[in-house]
Amino acid sequence: MTAYAPGGALVSSIEVTAATVQRGDIIQLGGHAFRVRDLFQLPQGAKQLVFESGELLTIHARTRLVAVRMLRRR
């Protein structure tokens, strides 16, 4: 799904894994939205996500989450 956010930014709802998650992705967990501030590679393909709120989430290489990603205009 692709839509316009306030301000005219193009956003898309996508499925992310440890291999595809990016800084700036917004992931909803437990009814709360968290923006990824930083990522750290862990052994066996896992990643530790650091959210802007300071909270951490470690995801396994096969974990699948739904995220909202801002698309860059060209």
C-alpha atoms as a PDB file:
ATOM      1  CA  MET A   1       0.000   0.000   0.000  1.00  0.00           C
ATOM      2  CA  THR A   2       1.299   3.436  -0.911  1.00  0.00           C
ATOM      3  CA  ALA A   3      -0.224   6.697   0.329  1.00  0.00           C
ATOM      4  CA  TYR A   4       0.590  10.336   0.910  1.00  0.00           C
ATOM      5  CA  ALA A   5       1.389  11.492   4.437  1.00  0.00           C
ATOM      6  CA  PRO A   6       0.765  15.034   5.693  1.00  0.00           C
ATOM      7  CA  GLY A   7       3.171  17.383   3.976  1.00  0.00           C
ATOM      8  CA  GLY A   8       3.055  15.420   0.731  1.00  0.00           C
ATOM      9  CA  ALA A   9       5.552  12.697   1.674  1.00  0.00           C
ATOM     10  CA  LEU A  10       4.944   9.346   0.012  1.00  0.00           C
ATOM     11  CA  VAL A  11       4.720   6.454   2.503  1.00  0.00           C
ATOM     12  CA  SER A  12       4.465   2.736   1.927  1.00  0.00           C
ATOM     13  CA  SER A  13       3.510  -0.155   4.203  1.00  0.00           C
ATOM     14  CA  ILE A  14       6.049  -2.956   3.715  1.00  0.00           C
ATOM     15  CA  GLU A  15       7.210  -6.191   5.315  1.00  0.00           C
ATOM     16  CA  VAL A  16      10.731  -5.984   6.769  1.00  0.00           C
ATOM     17  CA  THR A  17      13.195  -8.568   8.027  1.00  0.00           C
ATOM     18  CA  ALA A  18      16.563  -8.233   9.726  1.00  0.00           C
ATOM     19  CA  ALA A  19      18.106  -8.027   6.251  1.00  0.00           C
ATOM     20  CA  THR A  20      15.805  -5.275   4.939  1.00  0.00           C
ATOM     21  CA  VAL A  21      14.995  -3.034   7.929  1.00  0.00           C
ATOM     22  CA  GLN A  22      16.370   0.521   7.593  1.00  0.00           C
ATOM     23  CA  ARG A  23      16.883   3.592   9.735  1.00  0.00           C
ATOM     24  CA  GLY A  24      13.719   5.687   9.701  1.00  0.00           C
ATOM     25  CA  ASP A  25      11.334   2.741   9.349  1.00  0.00           C
ATOM     26  CA  ILE A  26       8.314   3.003  11.644  1.00  0.00           C
ATOM     27  CA  ILE A  27       7.342  -0.305  13.263  1.00  0.00           C
ATOM     28  CA  GLN A  28       4.173  -0.791  15.274  1.00  0.00           C
ATOM     29  CA  LEU A  29       4.539  -3.011  18.341  1.00  0.00           C
ATOM     30  CA  GLY A  30       1.852  -3.471  20.966  1.00  0.00           C
ATOM     31  CA  GLY A  31      -0.208  -0.610  19.576  1.00  0.00           C
ATOM     32  CA  HIS A  32       2.693   1.867  19.719  1.00  0.00           C
ATOM     33  CA  ALA A  33       4.660   3.181  16.746  1.00  0.00           C
ATOM     34  CA  PHE A  34       8.463   3.164  17.029  1.00  0.00           C
ATOM     35  CA  ARG A  35      10.883   4.839  14.586  1.00  0.00           C
ATOM     36  CA  VAL A  36      14.196   3.018  14.038  1.00  0.00           C
ATOM     37  CA  ARG A  37      17.085   5.325  14.977  1.00  0.00           C
ATOM     38  CA  ASP A  38      20.000   2.888  14.646  1.00  0.00           C
ATOM     39  CA  LEU A  39      20.787  -0.738  13.779  1.00  0.00           C
ATOM     40  CA  PHE A  40      23.457  -3.140  14.974  1.00  0.00           C
ATOM     41  CA  GLN A  41      24.364  -6.385  13.212  1.00  0.00           C
ATOM     42  CA  LEU A  42      24.418  -9.424  15.506  1.00  0.00           C
ATOM     43  CA  PRO A  43      25.653 -12.989  14.896  1.00  0.00           C
ATOM     44  CA  GLN A  44      23.658 -15.365  12.652  1.00  0.00           C
ATOM     45  CA  GLY A  45      21.901 -12.582  10.733  1.00  0.00           C
ATOM     46  CA  ALA A  46      20.054 -11.046  13.684  1.00  0.00           C
ATOM     47  CA  LYS A  47      19.869  -7.273  14.251  1.00  0.00           C
ATOM     48  CA  GLN A  48      19.351  -5.071  17.257  1.00  0.00           C
ATOM     49  CA  LEU A  49      17.115  -2.078  16.549  1.00  0.00           C
ATOM     50  CA  VAL A  50      17.436   1.108  18.580  1.00  0.00           C
ATOM     51  CA  PHE A  51      14.293   3.218  18.521  1.00  0.00           C
ATOM     52  CA  GLU A  52      14.135   7.011  18.909  1.00  0.00           C
ATOM     53  CA  SER A  53      12.504   6.433  22.313  1.00  0.00           C
ATOM     54  CA  GLY A  54      15.696   4.668  23.442  1.00  0.00           C
ATOM     55  CA  GLU A  55      14.096   1.230  23.573  1.00  0.00           C
ATOM     56  CA  LEU A  56      15.789  -1.793  21.987  1.00  0.00           C
ATOM     57  CA  LEU A  57      14.400  -4.680  19.955  1.00  0.00           C
ATOM     58  CA  THR A  58      16.433  -7.655  18.798  1.00  0.00           C
ATOM     59  CA  ILE A  59      15.054  -9.473  15.775  1.00  0.00           C
ATOM     60  CA  HIS A  60      16.078 -12.887  14.467  1.00  0.00           C
ATOM     61  CA  ALA A  61      17.117 -13.317  10.841  1.00  0.00           C
ATOM     62  CA  ARG A  62      13.690 -14.824   9.996  1.00  0.00           C
ATOM     63  CA  THR A  63      11.533 -12.361  11.969  1.00  0.00           C
ATOM     64  CA  ARG A  64       9.005 -10.551   9.770  1.00  0.00           C
ATOM     65  CA  LEU A  65       7.457  -7.226  10.803  1.00  0.00           C
ATOM     66  CA  VAL A  66       5.246  -4.704   9.043  1.00  0.00           C
ATOM     67  CA  ALA A  67       6.746  -1.227   8.799  1.00  0.00           C
ATOM     68  CA  VAL A  68       5.874   2.122   7.284  1.00  0.00           C
ATOM     69  CA  ARG A  69       8.649   3.614   5.184  1.00  0.00           C
ATOM     70  CA  MET A  70       8.894   7.153   3.843  1.00  0.00           C
ATOM     71  CA  LEU A  71       9.753   7.031   0.155  1.00  0.00           C
ATOM     72  CA  ARG A  72      12.148   9.594  -1.252  1.00  0.00           C
ATOM     73  CA  ARG A  73      10.956  11.835  -4.015  1.00  0.00           C
ATOM     74  CA  ARG A  74      13.014  11.928  -7.193  1.00  0.00           C
END
